[in-house]
């Protein structure tokens, strides 16, 4: 989902031309804008939301404030935004669980497209499959052989039931290779990483940024990345396709949405400004340290991404019968 920087600049310019709005719009915002992150502070989504909040505050002469509303796998903050007035003064920053979580619930608390209006897919990062050093595997094929020999000795940490990391594991292990690996759910990616570092769990699918330091220090071992090409952060780690397992691409992405019914004028203005922020050298440098690439897609492209991700993971949920009440 990466977009060339020239494309981001063009998107910003065309958006301003289409809306006819100056950077300092007089009719928006008219009060502080709350940017809800439905996860604890300090995570990748939170950091990116704060970068964008600062940029929007400066360019739109307003106050954009990040508020963390974690809980219930992200549902608490997400539902709060869905119920907020559709006036552009409440935004939501999401992770892939925004798409996957409703798929596994008998009574979803929200609909990703009906409850919200997409603004932009802001940034994306590759996922990497890592193991604790005690696992006798240096490649993904070796890991599959180890698990086939005795999967009960190993377990996979997941940042919650129905999360991206959970469904990635089900697709690779259970559906593609018939392996029943025990899954251990945690309240977020941070505790899942901590468990794997301690060897309490042995396998983890995680955004590269969250484990890059641990990989460098030898506390974890990377086996494969899930993107379409190798990561510049881990140039010696092959993709799953290179390792002989094609059609298993996945990515960790974060984007901004507003409540359904928000005016196109506000959505276009926010998208244009976020696209501009993503072209700034300081933004690109900060994203690079996090292992993220700027995207700043159009609202329509973000909608298409949600539809594509839904179509990708819905069959996994159905085939594996992953459901919670």
Protein backbone atom coordinates (compact mmCIF):
# COMPACT_ATOMS: atom_id res chain seq x y z
CA UNK A 1 0.00 0.00 0.00
CA UNK A 2 2.95 2.33 -0.26
CA UNK A 3 2.57 5.50 -2.29
CA UNK A 4 5.43 7.50 -3.84
CA UNK A 5 6.06 10.81 -2.15
CA UNK A 6 5.35 12.64 -5.37
CA UNK A 7 1.98 10.95 -5.33
CA UNK A 8 1.32 12.26 -1.84
CA UNK A 9 2.16 15.79 -2.90
CA UNK A 10 -0.05 15.48 -5.96
CA UNK A 11 -2.88 14.18 -3.81
CA UNK A 12 -2.55 17.18 -1.52
CA UNK A 13 -2.49 19.66 -4.39
CA UNK A 14 -5.40 18.10 -6.23
CA UNK A 15 -7.45 17.92 -3.06
CA UNK A 16 -7.03 21.62 -2.37
CA UNK A 17 -7.90 22.42 -5.95
CA UNK A 18 -11.00 20.24 -5.80
CA UNK A 19 -12.28 21.72 -2.56
CA UNK A 20 -11.19 25.29 -3.17
CA UNK A 21 -10.21 25.46 0.51
CA UNK A 22 -7.16 27.34 1.77
CA UNK A 23 -4.93 25.61 4.29
CA UNK A 24 -6.34 27.80 7.08
CA UNK A 25 -10.02 26.99 6.62
CA UNK A 26 -12.32 29.39 8.52
CA UNK A 27 -15.23 27.03 9.01
CA UNK A 28 -13.33 24.04 10.40
CA UNK A 29 -12.41 23.27 13.06
CA UNK A 30 -14.64 25.41 15.24
CA UNK A 31 -13.64 23.65 18.47
CA UNK A 32 -10.99 21.12 19.63
CA UNK A 33 -10.90 17.93 17.57
CA UNK A 34 -10.61 14.66 19.46
CA UNK A 35 -8.54 11.96 17.78
CA UNK A 36 -9.46 8.68 19.45
CA UNK A 37 -6.92 5.86 19.53
CA UNK A 38 -8.66 2.71 20.84
CA UNK A 39 -5.40 1.33 22.24
CA UNK A 40 -3.05 2.23 25.12
CA UNK A 41 -0.61 5.09 24.68
CA UNK A 42 2.84 4.37 23.27
CA UNK A 43 1.94 1.91 20.52
CA UNK A 44 2.62 2.46 16.84
CA UNK A 45 -0.92 3.66 16.06
CA UNK A 46 -0.78 6.09 18.98
CA UNK A 47 2.58 7.52 17.89
CA UNK A 48 1.44 8.06 14.29
CA UNK A 49 -1.83 9.61 15.46
CA UNK A 50 0.14 12.09 17.57
CA UNK A 51 2.42 13.00 14.67
CA UNK A 52 -0.63 13.78 12.54
CA UNK A 53 -2.43 15.56 15.40
CA UNK A 54 0.48 17.95 15.77
CA UNK A 55 0.60 18.62 12.05
CA UNK A 56 -3.14 19.23 11.81
CA UNK A 57 -3.06 21.56 14.80
CA UNK A 58 -0.41 23.67 13.10
CA UNK A 59 -1.89 23.74 9.60
CA UNK A 60 -5.56 24.18 10.49
CA UNK A 61 -5.12 26.66 13.35
CA UNK A 62 -7.01 24.34 15.67
CA UNK A 63 -6.44 21.97 18.53
CA UNK A 64 -6.26 18.29 17.59
CA UNK A 65 -5.89 16.17 20.71
CA UNK A 66 -5.24 12.43 20.92
CA UNK A 67 -7.33 10.55 23.47
CA UNK A 68 -6.62 6.91 24.26
CA UNK A 69 -9.76 4.83 24.87
CA UNK A 70 -8.53 1.21 25.04
CA UNK A 71 -10.53 -1.83 26.01
CA UNK A 72 -12.61 -4.68 24.59
CA UNK A 73 -10.16 -5.27 21.78
CA UNK A 74 -10.54 -1.69 20.56
CA UNK A 75 -14.33 -1.70 20.61
CA UNK A 76 -14.71 0.86 23.41
CA UNK A 77 -12.96 3.69 21.58
CA UNK A 78 -14.28 2.66 18.19
CA UNK A 79 -17.92 2.56 19.31
CA UNK A 80 -17.50 5.93 21.04
CA UNK A 81 -16.45 7.53 17.76
CA UNK A 82 -19.24 5.84 15.81
CA UNK A 83 -21.73 7.45 18.21
CA UNK A 84 -20.12 10.91 18.10
CA UNK A 85 -21.62 13.83 16.12
CA UNK A 86 -20.71 13.69 12.44
CA UNK A 87 -19.22 17.18 12.42
CA UNK A 88 -15.54 16.34 11.93
CA UNK A 89 -14.61 17.09 15.52
CA UNK A 90 -14.11 13.43 16.43
CA UNK A 91 -11.72 11.18 14.51
CA UNK A 92 -10.63 7.57 14.90
CA UNK A 93 -7.24 6.01 14.22
CA UNK A 94 -7.36 2.27 13.67
CA UNK A 95 -5.22 -0.84 13.24
CA UNK A 96 -6.07 -3.90 11.09
CA UNK A 97 -8.15 -5.26 13.99
CA UNK A 98 -10.73 -2.67 12.96
CA UNK A 99 -11.43 -5.00 10.02
CA UNK A 100 -10.77 -8.42 11.55
CA UNK A 101 -12.46 -8.02 14.94
CA UNK A 102 -16.04 -7.65 13.63
CA UNK A 103 -15.56 -10.77 11.50
CA UNK A 104 -15.17 -13.04 14.52
CA UNK A 105 -17.98 -11.62 16.66
CA UNK A 106 -21.52 -12.97 16.64
CA UNK A 107 -22.82 -9.45 17.31
CA UNK A 108 -20.27 -6.90 16.03
CA UNK A 109 -20.34 -3.59 17.88
CA UNK A 110 -19.82 -1.65 14.64
CA UNK A 111 -19.63 -1.99 10.87
CA UNK A 112 -16.27 -0.79 9.45
CA UNK A 113 -17.90 0.90 6.44
CA UNK A 114 -21.47 1.68 7.53
CA UNK A 115 -20.51 3.18 10.89
CA UNK A 116 -17.67 5.33 9.55
CA UNK A 117 -16.46 7.43 6.65
CA UNK A 118 -12.82 6.64 5.72
CA UNK A 119 -10.46 9.63 5.50
CA UNK A 120 -7.12 8.06 4.65
CA UNK A 121 -4.97 5.00 5.16
CA UNK A 122 -2.09 6.93 6.67
CA UNK A 123 0.80 4.47 6.87
CA UNK A 124 1.68 0.79 6.62
CA UNK A 125 4.34 -1.55 7.94
CA UNK A 126 5.40 -5.09 7.19
CA UNK A 127 4.69 -7.96 9.55
CA UNK A 128 7.43 -10.40 10.53
CA UNK A 129 7.26 -13.93 11.92
CA UNK A 130 9.60 -14.33 14.88
CA UNK A 131 10.45 -17.08 17.35
CA UNK A 132 12.15 -17.29 20.72
CA UNK A 133 15.83 -18.31 20.35
CA UNK A 134 15.06 -21.65 22.05
CA UNK A 135 13.10 -22.75 18.96
CA UNK A 136 15.41 -24.88 16.75
CA UNK A 137 14.43 -23.14 13.51
CA UNK A 138 16.13 -20.51 11.37
CA UNK A 139 13.68 -20.62 8.46
CA UNK A 140 9.92 -20.80 8.17
CA UNK A 141 10.13 -24.29 6.67
CA UNK A 142 12.21 -25.43 9.64
CA UNK A 143 9.61 -23.95 11.99
CA UNK A 144 6.84 -25.84 10.22
CA UNK A 145 8.85 -29.06 10.62
CA UNK A 146 9.38 -28.37 14.33
CA UNK A 147 5.69 -27.73 14.87
CA UNK A 148 4.72 -30.80 12.88
CA UNK A 149 6.99 -32.90 15.07
CA UNK A 150 5.47 -31.65 18.34
CA UNK A 151 3.35 -28.54 18.23
CA UNK A 152 2.23 -28.99 21.85
CA UNK A 153 5.67 -27.88 23.04
CA UNK A 154 5.19 -24.52 21.38
CA UNK A 155 2.58 -21.79 21.49
CA UNK A 156 1.85 -18.59 19.65
CA UNK A 157 1.29 -15.27 21.40
CA UNK A 158 -1.54 -13.21 19.90
CA UNK A 159 -2.56 -9.64 20.80
CA UNK A 160 -6.17 -10.69 21.25
CA UNK A 161 -8.72 -13.09 19.83
CA UNK A 162 -9.60 -12.26 16.23
CA UNK A 163 -6.71 -9.84 15.78
CA UNK A 164 -4.55 -9.72 12.68
CA UNK A 165 -1.78 -11.71 14.40
CA UNK A 166 -4.28 -14.40 15.38
CA UNK A 167 -5.72 -14.80 11.89
CA UNK A 168 -2.27 -14.76 10.29
CA UNK A 169 -1.29 -17.71 12.45
CA UNK A 170 -4.49 -19.61 11.68
CA UNK A 171 -4.04 -19.07 7.94
CA UNK A 172 -0.42 -20.22 7.89
CA UNK A 173 -0.44 -23.01 10.45
CA UNK A 174 -3.94 -24.49 10.65
CA UNK A 175 -5.41 -23.85 7.20
CA UNK A 176 -2.29 -24.09 5.02
CA UNK A 177 -0.34 -26.77 6.89
CA UNK A 178 -2.82 -28.56 9.16
CA UNK A 179 -0.95 -27.63 12.34
CA UNK A 180 -2.87 -27.06 15.57
CA UNK A 181 -0.66 -24.59 17.41
CA UNK A 182 -1.96 -23.38 20.80
CA UNK A 183 -2.79 -19.66 20.75
CA UNK A 184 -2.29 -17.57 23.89
CA UNK A 185 -4.23 -14.27 23.81
CA UNK A 186 -2.94 -11.09 25.45
CA UNK A 187 -4.31 -7.59 25.95
CA UNK A 188 -2.38 -6.04 23.08
CA UNK A 189 0.85 -6.55 21.17
CA UNK A 190 3.10 -5.27 23.96
CA UNK A 191 2.33 -8.12 26.38
CA UNK A 192 2.48 -10.62 23.50
CA UNK A 193 6.02 -9.47 22.67
CA UNK A 194 7.00 -9.62 26.35
CA UNK A 195 5.74 -13.18 26.66
CA UNK A 196 7.70 -14.28 23.61
CA UNK A 197 10.85 -12.55 24.86
CA UNK A 198 10.54 -14.53 28.08
CA UNK A 199 10.00 -17.81 26.25
CA UNK A 200 6.58 -18.33 27.81
CA UNK A 201 5.28 -18.38 24.23
CA UNK A 202 7.55 -19.20 21.33
CA UNK A 203 6.03 -17.85 18.11
CA UNK A 204 4.77 -14.38 17.22
CA UNK A 205 3.53 -12.43 14.19
CA UNK A 206 4.29 -8.74 14.79
CA UNK A 207 4.92 -5.40 13.07
CA UNK A 208 8.65 -5.18 12.37
CA UNK A 209 8.94 -1.89 14.24
CA UNK A 210 7.88 -3.45 17.54
CA UNK A 211 10.52 -6.19 17.51
CA UNK A 212 13.37 -4.72 15.45
CA UNK A 213 15.45 -3.94 18.54
CA UNK A 214 14.87 -7.39 20.00
CA UNK A 215 15.93 -8.99 16.73
CA UNK A 216 19.10 -6.92 16.65
CA UNK A 217 19.97 -7.94 20.20
CA UNK A 218 19.33 -11.62 19.49
CA UNK A 219 16.40 -11.82 21.91
CA UNK A 220 14.16 -12.97 19.07
CA UNK A 221 14.85 -14.59 15.70
CA UNK A 222 13.15 -13.47 12.46
CA UNK A 223 12.13 -16.20 10.03
CA UNK A 224 10.19 -14.39 7.29
CA UNK A 225 8.40 -11.14 6.49
CA UNK A 226 4.87 -11.13 5.12
CA UNK A 227 5.16 -8.31 2.62
CA UNK A 228 5.62 -8.46 -1.12
CA UNK A 229 9.30 -7.58 -0.80
CA UNK A 230 12.02 -7.64 1.82
CA UNK A 231 12.11 -4.98 4.49
CA UNK A 232 15.03 -2.50 4.46
CA UNK A 233 15.11 -2.94 8.23
CA UNK A 234 15.62 -6.71 7.84
CA UNK A 235 17.29 -7.07 4.43
CA UNK A 236 18.55 -10.60 5.13
CA UNK A 237 15.12 -11.96 6.09
CA UNK A 238 13.22 -13.48 3.15
CA UNK A 239 9.58 -12.93 2.35
CA UNK A 240 7.20 -15.85 2.80
CA UNK A 241 6.99 -16.12 -0.98
CA UNK A 242 10.77 -16.36 -1.24
CA UNK A 243 10.66 -19.02 1.46
CA UNK A 244 8.32 -21.10 -0.67
CA UNK A 245 4.98 -20.03 0.81
CA UNK A 246 3.27 -17.69 -1.70
CA UNK A 247 -0.03 -15.85 -1.37
CA UNK A 248 0.35 -15.11 2.32
CA UNK A 249 1.02 -11.38 2.15
CA UNK A 250 -0.13 -9.27 5.06
CA UNK A 251 0.55 -5.83 6.45
CA UNK A 252 -0.01 -3.76 9.54
CA UNK A 253 -1.66 -0.47 8.59
CA UNK A 254 -3.21 2.47 10.38
CA UNK A 255 -5.69 5.00 9.08
CA UNK A 256 -8.09 7.76 10.02
CA UNK A 257 -11.88 7.68 9.90
CA UNK A 258 -14.74 9.92 11.03
CA UNK A 259 -18.35 9.09 11.95
CA UNK A 260 -20.61 8.21 9.03
CA UNK A 261 -22.39 11.26 7.69
CA UNK A 262 -19.47 13.65 8.08
CA UNK A 263 -19.42 16.15 5.21
CA UNK A 264 -17.26 15.51 2.18
CA UNK A 265 -15.78 18.98 2.59
CA UNK A 266 -14.33 18.06 6.01
CA UNK A 267 -13.18 14.61 4.85
CA UNK A 268 -11.42 16.05 1.80
CA UNK A 269 -9.79 18.78 3.88
CA UNK A 270 -8.50 16.30 6.46
CA UNK A 271 -7.22 13.95 3.77
CA UNK A 272 -5.45 16.77 1.96
CA UNK A 273 -3.76 17.97 5.12
CA UNK A 274 -2.68 14.48 6.21
CA UNK A 275 -1.27 13.89 2.72
CA UNK A 276 0.70 17.14 3.09
CA UNK A 277 1.98 16.11 6.52
CA UNK A 278 3.17 12.81 5.07
CA UNK A 279 5.40 14.63 2.55
CA UNK A 280 7.35 16.43 5.29
CA UNK A 281 10.91 15.21 5.79
CA UNK A 282 10.53 15.12 9.57
CA UNK A 283 7.41 12.96 9.24
CA UNK A 284 9.12 10.55 6.86
CA UNK A 285 12.11 10.29 9.18
CA UNK A 286 9.93 9.57 12.20
CA UNK A 287 7.92 6.95 10.30
CA UNK A 288 11.14 5.30 9.14
CA UNK A 289 12.30 4.85 12.73
CA UNK A 290 8.97 3.13 13.42
CA UNK A 291 9.31 0.87 10.38
CA UNK A 292 6.35 2.49 8.61
CA UNK A 293 5.93 3.79 5.07
CA UNK A 294 3.71 6.82 4.34
CA UNK A 295 0.59 6.05 2.33
CA UNK A 296 -1.99 8.85 2.69
CA UNK A 297 -4.46 7.13 0.37
CA UNK A 298 -7.62 8.82 -0.85
CA UNK A 299 -10.86 8.12 1.05
CA UNK A 300 -12.01 5.89 -1.81
CA UNK A 301 -8.74 3.96 -1.78
CA UNK A 302 -9.03 3.46 1.98
CA UNK A 303 -12.56 2.16 1.47
CA UNK A 304 -11.22 -0.28 -1.12
CA UNK A 305 -8.50 -1.40 1.31
CA UNK A 306 -11.11 -2.17 3.98
CA UNK A 307 -13.14 -4.15 1.46
CA UNK A 308 -10.04 -6.05 0.30
CA UNK A 309 -8.94 -6.89 3.84
CA UNK A 310 -12.46 -8.03 4.69
CA UNK A 311 -12.51 -10.31 1.65
CA UNK A 312 -9.07 -11.67 2.59
CA UNK A 313 -9.82 -12.56 6.21
CA UNK A 314 -13.52 -13.47 6.13
CA UNK A 315 -12.80 -16.90 4.53
CA UNK A 316 -10.11 -17.57 7.15
CA UNK A 317 -12.61 -16.86 9.93
CA UNK A 318 -15.24 -19.00 8.23
CA UNK A 319 -13.00 -21.95 7.43
CA UNK A 320 -11.46 -22.04 10.90
CA UNK A 321 -14.82 -21.33 12.59
CA UNK A 322 -13.35 -18.50 14.63
CA UNK A 323 -16.27 -16.98 16.52
CA UNK A 324 -16.83 -15.31 19.88
CA UNK A 325 -20.14 -14.25 21.40
